[in-house]
Amino acid sequence: VSSARVVVLVMSRKTFVNSPKYDVSKLGEASGGDNVILEYELVLELFDLGRVKAVLPVLVGDLKNDADMGGDVYTHFFSSGCLPPLPDVKVPSIQSKALSYLRSDPGIGSILPPDELRCA
């Protein structure tokens, strides 16, 4: 990701809730790591630092059969309720991993704030 200039994030319902064990809406300060959120955090930080020039989200709704449309179609992401309510929370374990990754890149580490991410 750190060498990309454009990042396309494909998101669906399963990005946020994939199973009872994986539900982003239940993240809290004491939560463990989450690689999807970690990747999104990294992309936003790299965008903020000017390393990534564009972030393009592709929001994919649920797949359903619609005879009027001639078969399977994807529904509207928001109208289908694919985005759960998301907590306004900082997850230290995710931020720590993101900061560690960014500091390990010689082109980025030197321009980071000392102990906090910009987008966090």
N, C-alpha and C. Protein backbone atom coordinates (compact mmCIF):
# COMPACT_ATOMS: atom_id res chain seq x y z
N VAL A 1 0.82 -1.19 0.00
CA VAL A 1 0.00 0.00 0.00
C VAL A 1 0.87 1.26 0.00
N SER A 2 2.00 1.22 0.67
CA SER A 2 2.80 2.44 0.80
C SER A 2 3.40 2.91 -0.51
N SER A 3 3.44 2.06 -1.52
CA SER A 3 3.97 2.50 -2.81
C SER A 3 2.87 2.80 -3.83
N ALA A 4 1.62 2.61 -3.45
CA ALA A 4 0.50 2.88 -4.36
C ALA A 4 0.22 4.37 -4.45
N ARG A 5 -0.24 4.80 -5.59
CA ARG A 5 -0.65 6.20 -5.77
C ARG A 5 -2.17 6.34 -5.71
N VAL A 6 -2.86 5.27 -6.11
CA VAL A 6 -4.32 5.23 -6.05
C VAL A 6 -4.71 3.92 -5.37
N VAL A 7 -5.62 4.01 -4.42
CA VAL A 7 -6.08 2.81 -3.71
C VAL A 7 -7.59 2.69 -3.91
N VAL A 8 -8.02 1.50 -4.33
CA VAL A 8 -9.44 1.21 -4.49
C VAL A 8 -9.84 0.29 -3.34
N LEU A 9 -10.76 0.75 -2.51
CA LEU A 9 -11.26 -0.05 -1.39
C LEU A 9 -12.62 -0.62 -1.78
N VAL A 10 -12.70 -1.93 -1.89
CA VAL A 10 -13.98 -2.58 -2.20
C VAL A 10 -14.60 -2.99 -0.89
N MET A 11 -15.81 -2.49 -0.64
CA MET A 11 -16.49 -2.77 0.63
C MET A 11 -17.87 -3.35 0.38
N SER A 12 -18.21 -4.34 1.17
CA SER A 12 -19.54 -4.95 1.12
C SER A 12 -20.01 -5.14 2.56
N ARG A 13 -21.17 -5.72 2.71
CA ARG A 13 -21.69 -6.01 4.06
C ARG A 13 -20.68 -6.83 4.85
N LYS A 14 -20.05 -7.81 4.19
CA LYS A 14 -19.10 -8.70 4.87
C LYS A 14 -17.81 -8.00 5.27
N THR A 15 -17.55 -6.82 4.73
CA THR A 15 -16.40 -6.04 5.18
C THR A 15 -16.58 -5.66 6.64
N PHE A 16 -17.81 -5.42 7.04
CA PHE A 16 -18.11 -4.91 8.37
C PHE A 16 -18.62 -5.98 9.33
N VAL A 17 -19.39 -6.93 8.82
CA VAL A 17 -19.92 -8.01 9.65
C VAL A 17 -19.84 -9.29 8.82
N ASN A 18 -18.86 -10.13 9.15
CA ASN A 18 -18.66 -11.34 8.37
C ASN A 18 -19.11 -12.59 9.13
N SER A 19 -19.18 -12.48 10.43
CA SER A 19 -19.61 -13.61 11.26
C SER A 19 -19.85 -13.06 12.66
N PRO A 20 -20.43 -13.87 13.54
CA PRO A 20 -20.60 -13.38 14.92
C PRO A 20 -19.28 -13.00 15.58
N LYS A 21 -18.19 -13.65 15.17
CA LYS A 21 -16.87 -13.33 15.74
C LYS A 21 -16.26 -12.08 15.11
N TYR A 22 -16.70 -11.72 13.91
CA TYR A 22 -16.14 -10.56 13.22
C TYR A 22 -17.24 -9.55 12.96
N ASP A 23 -17.29 -8.53 13.79
CA ASP A 23 -18.31 -7.49 13.68
C ASP A 23 -17.67 -6.16 14.05
N VAL A 24 -17.38 -5.34 13.04
CA VAL A 24 -16.70 -4.07 13.25
C VAL A 24 -17.50 -3.14 14.16
N SER A 25 -18.82 -3.27 14.14
CA SER A 25 -19.64 -2.39 14.97
C SER A 25 -19.42 -2.62 16.46
N LYS A 26 -18.76 -3.73 16.81
CA LYS A 26 -18.51 -4.04 18.21
C LYS A 26 -17.07 -3.73 18.64
N LEU A 27 -16.30 -3.07 17.78
CA LEU A 27 -14.94 -2.70 18.16
C LEU A 27 -14.97 -1.71 19.32
N GLY A 28 -14.04 -1.86 20.22
CA GLY A 28 -13.91 -0.96 21.36
C GLY A 28 -12.44 -0.71 21.65
N GLU A 29 -12.17 0.12 22.62
CA GLU A 29 -10.79 0.46 22.95
C GLU A 29 -9.96 -0.76 23.34
N ALA A 30 -10.60 -1.76 23.91
CA ALA A 30 -9.87 -2.96 24.35
C ALA A 30 -9.84 -4.06 23.28
N SER A 31 -10.38 -3.77 22.10
CA SER A 31 -10.42 -4.79 21.05
C SER A 31 -9.03 -5.12 20.56
N GLY A 32 -8.89 -6.34 20.07
CA GLY A 32 -7.63 -6.75 19.47
C GLY A 32 -7.50 -6.18 18.07
N GLY A 33 -6.54 -6.66 17.34
CA GLY A 33 -6.29 -6.16 16.00
C GLY A 33 -7.39 -6.52 15.01
N ASP A 34 -7.50 -5.73 13.99
CA ASP A 34 -8.45 -5.98 12.91
C ASP A 34 -7.74 -5.55 11.63
N ASN A 35 -7.39 -6.52 10.78
CA ASN A 35 -6.58 -6.21 9.61
C ASN A 35 -7.30 -5.34 8.58
N VAL A 36 -8.61 -5.49 8.44
CA VAL A 36 -9.35 -4.65 7.49
C VAL A 36 -9.28 -3.19 7.93
N ILE A 37 -9.59 -2.94 9.18
CA ILE A 37 -9.55 -1.57 9.69
C ILE A 37 -8.11 -1.05 9.69
N LEU A 38 -7.14 -1.91 9.98
CA LEU A 38 -5.74 -1.52 9.92
C LEU A 38 -5.37 -1.04 8.51
N GLU A 39 -5.77 -1.79 7.51
CA GLU A 39 -5.48 -1.39 6.12
C GLU A 39 -6.15 -0.07 5.77
N TYR A 40 -7.38 0.12 6.20
CA TYR A 40 -8.07 1.39 5.93
C TYR A 40 -7.37 2.54 6.65
N GLU A 41 -6.94 2.30 7.87
CA GLU A 41 -6.21 3.32 8.63
C GLU A 41 -4.92 3.70 7.90
N LEU A 42 -4.19 2.70 7.42
CA LEU A 42 -2.95 2.97 6.70
C LEU A 42 -3.20 3.78 5.43
N VAL A 43 -4.23 3.41 4.70
CA VAL A 43 -4.56 4.14 3.46
C VAL A 43 -4.88 5.60 3.76
N LEU A 44 -5.67 5.84 4.80
CA LEU A 44 -6.02 7.23 5.14
C LEU A 44 -4.80 8.02 5.60
N GLU A 45 -3.93 7.40 6.37
CA GLU A 45 -2.71 8.08 6.80
C GLU A 45 -1.82 8.41 5.60
N LEU A 46 -1.67 7.45 4.70
CA LEU A 46 -0.84 7.68 3.51
C LEU A 46 -1.44 8.76 2.62
N PHE A 47 -2.76 8.82 2.55
CA PHE A 47 -3.42 9.88 1.80
C PHE A 47 -3.15 11.23 2.46
N ASP A 48 -3.31 11.28 3.76
CA ASP A 48 -3.08 12.52 4.51
C ASP A 48 -1.64 13.01 4.36
N LEU A 49 -0.70 12.08 4.27
CA LEU A 49 0.72 12.42 4.11
C LEU A 49 1.09 12.74 2.66
N GLY A 50 0.14 12.54 1.73
CA GLY A 50 0.40 12.85 0.33
C GLY A 50 1.05 11.72 -0.45
N ARG A 51 1.25 10.56 0.18
CA ARG A 51 1.85 9.42 -0.52
C ARG A 51 0.84 8.75 -1.45
N VAL A 52 -0.40 8.63 -0.99
CA VAL A 52 -1.49 8.13 -1.83
C VAL A 52 -2.23 9.35 -2.35
N LYS A 53 -2.44 9.40 -3.65
CA LYS A 53 -3.06 10.59 -4.26
C LYS A 53 -4.58 10.51 -4.32
N ALA A 54 -5.14 9.30 -4.32
CA ALA A 54 -6.60 9.16 -4.39
C ALA A 54 -7.02 7.86 -3.71
N VAL A 55 -8.15 7.92 -3.02
CA VAL A 55 -8.76 6.74 -2.40
C VAL A 55 -10.17 6.63 -3.00
N LEU A 56 -10.42 5.52 -3.66
CA LEU A 56 -11.70 5.32 -4.34
C LEU A 56 -12.46 4.16 -3.71
N PRO A 57 -13.48 4.45 -2.92
CA PRO A 57 -14.26 3.35 -2.34
C PRO A 57 -15.29 2.83 -3.36
N VAL A 58 -15.36 1.52 -3.46
CA VAL A 58 -16.38 0.86 -4.28
C VAL A 58 -17.29 0.14 -3.30
N LEU A 59 -18.54 0.57 -3.22
CA LEU A 59 -19.49 0.03 -2.26
C LEU A 59 -20.41 -0.95 -2.96
N VAL A 60 -20.34 -2.22 -2.57
CA VAL A 60 -21.09 -3.29 -3.22
C VAL A 60 -22.23 -3.74 -2.32
N GLY A 61 -23.45 -3.66 -2.82
CA GLY A 61 -24.61 -4.11 -2.05
C GLY A 61 -24.71 -5.62 -2.04
N ASP A 62 -25.84 -6.12 -1.57
CA ASP A 62 -26.08 -7.56 -1.51
C ASP A 62 -26.46 -8.09 -2.89
N LEU A 63 -26.09 -9.32 -3.18
CA LEU A 63 -26.46 -9.98 -4.42
C LEU A 63 -27.85 -10.59 -4.25
N LYS A 64 -28.74 -10.24 -5.18
CA LYS A 64 -30.08 -10.84 -5.12
C LYS A 64 -30.56 -11.11 -6.53
N ASN A 65 -31.48 -12.04 -6.64
CA ASN A 65 -32.05 -12.36 -7.94
C ASN A 65 -33.24 -11.45 -8.19
N ASP A 66 -33.24 -10.80 -9.33
CA ASP A 66 -34.32 -9.91 -9.72
C ASP A 66 -34.76 -10.29 -11.13
N ALA A 67 -35.90 -10.98 -11.21
CA ALA A 67 -36.40 -11.45 -12.50
C ALA A 67 -36.62 -10.30 -13.47
N ASP A 68 -37.06 -9.15 -12.97
CA ASP A 68 -37.28 -8.00 -13.85
C ASP A 68 -35.98 -7.50 -14.48
N MET A 69 -34.87 -7.71 -13.80
CA MET A 69 -33.58 -7.28 -14.32
C MET A 69 -32.86 -8.40 -15.07
N GLY A 70 -33.48 -9.57 -15.10
CA GLY A 70 -32.92 -10.68 -15.87
C GLY A 70 -31.94 -11.56 -15.13
N GLY A 71 -31.96 -11.54 -13.81
CA GLY A 71 -31.08 -12.42 -13.05
C GLY A 71 -30.52 -11.76 -11.81
N ASP A 72 -29.29 -12.13 -11.49
CA ASP A 72 -28.66 -11.62 -10.28
C ASP A 72 -28.18 -10.18 -10.47
N VAL A 73 -28.46 -9.37 -9.46
CA VAL A 73 -28.02 -7.96 -9.45
C VAL A 73 -27.55 -7.62 -8.04
N TYR A 74 -26.75 -6.58 -7.95
CA TYR A 74 -26.32 -6.08 -6.65
C TYR A 74 -27.23 -4.93 -6.23
N THR A 75 -27.64 -4.96 -4.98
CA THR A 75 -28.51 -3.92 -4.46
C THR A 75 -27.70 -2.67 -4.12
N HIS A 76 -28.39 -1.61 -3.79
CA HIS A 76 -27.76 -0.37 -3.37
C HIS A 76 -27.18 -0.57 -1.98
N PHE A 77 -25.90 -0.25 -1.79
CA PHE A 77 -25.19 -0.51 -0.55
C PHE A 77 -25.90 0.09 0.67
N PHE A 78 -26.26 1.38 0.58
CA PHE A 78 -26.86 2.05 1.73
C PHE A 78 -28.34 1.69 1.91
N SER A 79 -29.09 1.63 0.81
CA SER A 79 -30.51 1.29 0.91
C SER A 79 -30.73 -0.12 1.44
N SER A 80 -29.76 -1.00 1.21
CA SER A 80 -29.87 -2.38 1.66
C SER A 80 -29.42 -2.56 3.10
N GLY A 81 -28.96 -1.49 3.73
CA GLY A 81 -28.52 -1.58 5.12
C GLY A 81 -27.20 -2.31 5.29
N CYS A 82 -26.33 -2.24 4.29
CA CYS A 82 -25.05 -2.95 4.36
C CYS A 82 -24.07 -2.32 5.33
N LEU A 83 -24.25 -1.06 5.66
CA LEU A 83 -23.35 -0.39 6.59
C LEU A 83 -23.97 -0.37 7.98
N PRO A 84 -23.37 -1.12 8.92
CA PRO A 84 -23.93 -1.11 10.27
C PRO A 84 -23.57 0.19 10.98
N PRO A 85 -24.21 0.47 12.10
CA PRO A 85 -23.78 1.63 12.89
C PRO A 85 -22.34 1.38 13.36
N LEU A 86 -21.48 2.33 13.12
CA LEU A 86 -20.07 2.15 13.49
C LEU A 86 -19.73 2.98 14.71
N PRO A 87 -18.98 2.41 15.63
CA PRO A 87 -18.63 3.14 16.85
C PRO A 87 -17.60 4.24 16.55
N ASP A 88 -17.70 5.33 17.25
CA ASP A 88 -16.70 6.40 17.15
C ASP A 88 -15.67 6.12 18.23
N VAL A 89 -14.75 5.22 17.92
CA VAL A 89 -13.80 4.75 18.92
C VAL A 89 -12.42 4.61 18.29
N LYS A 90 -11.40 4.87 19.07
CA LYS A 90 -10.03 4.62 18.66
C LYS A 90 -9.61 3.30 19.28
N VAL A 91 -9.06 2.43 18.47
CA VAL A 91 -8.61 1.13 18.96
C VAL A 91 -7.09 1.16 19.04
N PRO A 92 -6.55 1.29 20.25
CA PRO A 92 -5.09 1.44 20.40
C PRO A 92 -4.26 0.36 19.72
N SER A 93 -4.74 -0.89 19.74
CA SER A 93 -3.95 -1.97 19.12
C SER A 93 -3.83 -1.76 17.61
N ILE A 94 -4.87 -1.26 16.99
CA ILE A 94 -4.83 -1.00 15.54
C ILE A 94 -3.95 0.20 15.26
N GLN A 95 -4.10 1.26 16.04
CA GLN A 95 -3.28 2.45 15.85
C GLN A 95 -1.80 2.15 16.05
N SER A 96 -1.49 1.34 17.04
CA SER A 96 -0.11 0.98 17.32
C SER A 96 0.51 0.23 16.15
N LYS A 97 -0.23 -0.73 15.59
CA LYS A 97 0.27 -1.48 14.44
C LYS A 97 0.46 -0.57 13.23
N ALA A 98 -0.48 0.33 13.00
CA ALA A 98 -0.38 1.26 11.87
C ALA A 98 0.84 2.16 12.03
N LEU A 99 1.02 2.69 13.21
CA LEU A 99 2.14 3.59 13.47
C LEU A 99 3.47 2.84 13.31
N SER A 100 3.53 1.62 13.80
CA SER A 100 4.73 0.81 13.67
C SER A 100 5.05 0.55 12.20
N TYR A 101 4.05 0.20 11.42
CA TYR A 101 4.24 -0.07 9.99
C TYR A 101 4.74 1.20 9.28
N LEU A 102 4.10 2.33 9.55
CA LEU A 102 4.48 3.57 8.89
C LEU A 102 5.88 4.01 9.29
N ARG A 103 6.24 3.83 10.54
CA ARG A 103 7.59 4.21 11.00
C ARG A 103 8.67 3.34 10.37
N SER A 104 8.32 2.11 10.01
CA SER A 104 9.31 1.20 9.41
C SER A 104 9.64 1.57 7.97
N ASP A 105 8.84 2.41 7.35
CA ASP A 105 9.10 2.86 5.98
C ASP A 105 9.98 4.10 6.03
N PRO A 106 11.20 4.03 5.51
CA PRO A 106 12.12 5.16 5.62
C PRO A 106 11.59 6.46 5.02
N GLY A 107 10.77 6.38 4.00
CA GLY A 107 10.24 7.58 3.38
C GLY A 107 9.10 8.22 4.15
N ILE A 108 8.55 7.48 5.10
CA ILE A 108 7.39 7.97 5.85
C ILE A 108 7.75 8.24 7.30
N GLY A 109 8.53 7.35 7.88
CA GLY A 109 8.83 7.42 9.31
C GLY A 109 9.36 8.76 9.78
N SER A 110 10.15 9.40 8.95
CA SER A 110 10.77 10.67 9.35
C SER A 110 9.79 11.84 9.38
N ILE A 111 8.64 11.72 8.74
CA ILE A 111 7.69 12.84 8.70
C ILE A 111 6.46 12.62 9.57
N LEU A 112 6.44 11.52 10.31
CA LEU A 112 5.29 11.23 11.18
C LEU A 112 5.37 12.02 12.48
N PRO A 113 4.21 12.34 13.05
CA PRO A 113 4.22 12.92 14.40
C PRO A 113 4.82 11.89 15.37
N PRO A 114 5.34 12.32 16.50
CA PRO A 114 6.07 11.40 17.38
C PRO A 114 5.26 10.23 17.93
N ASP A 115 4.00 10.42 18.28
CA ASP A 115 3.29 9.32 18.93
C ASP A 115 1.83 9.18 18.55
N GLU A 116 1.39 9.85 17.53
CA GLU A 116 -0.03 9.78 17.19
C GLU A 116 -0.22 9.86 15.69
N LEU A 117 -1.23 9.14 15.20
CA LEU A 117 -1.56 9.20 13.79
C LEU A 117 -2.43 10.42 13.52
N ARG A 118 -2.34 10.95 12.33
CA ARG A 118 -3.08 12.15 11.98
C ARG A 118 -4.58 11.89 11.86
N CYS A 119 -4.94 10.78 11.24
CA CYS A 119 -6.36 10.50 10.96
C CYS A 119 -7.07 9.82 12.11
N ALA A 120 -6.34 9.43 13.13
CA ALA A 120 -6.95 8.67 14.23
C ALA A 120 -7.98 9.47 14.98
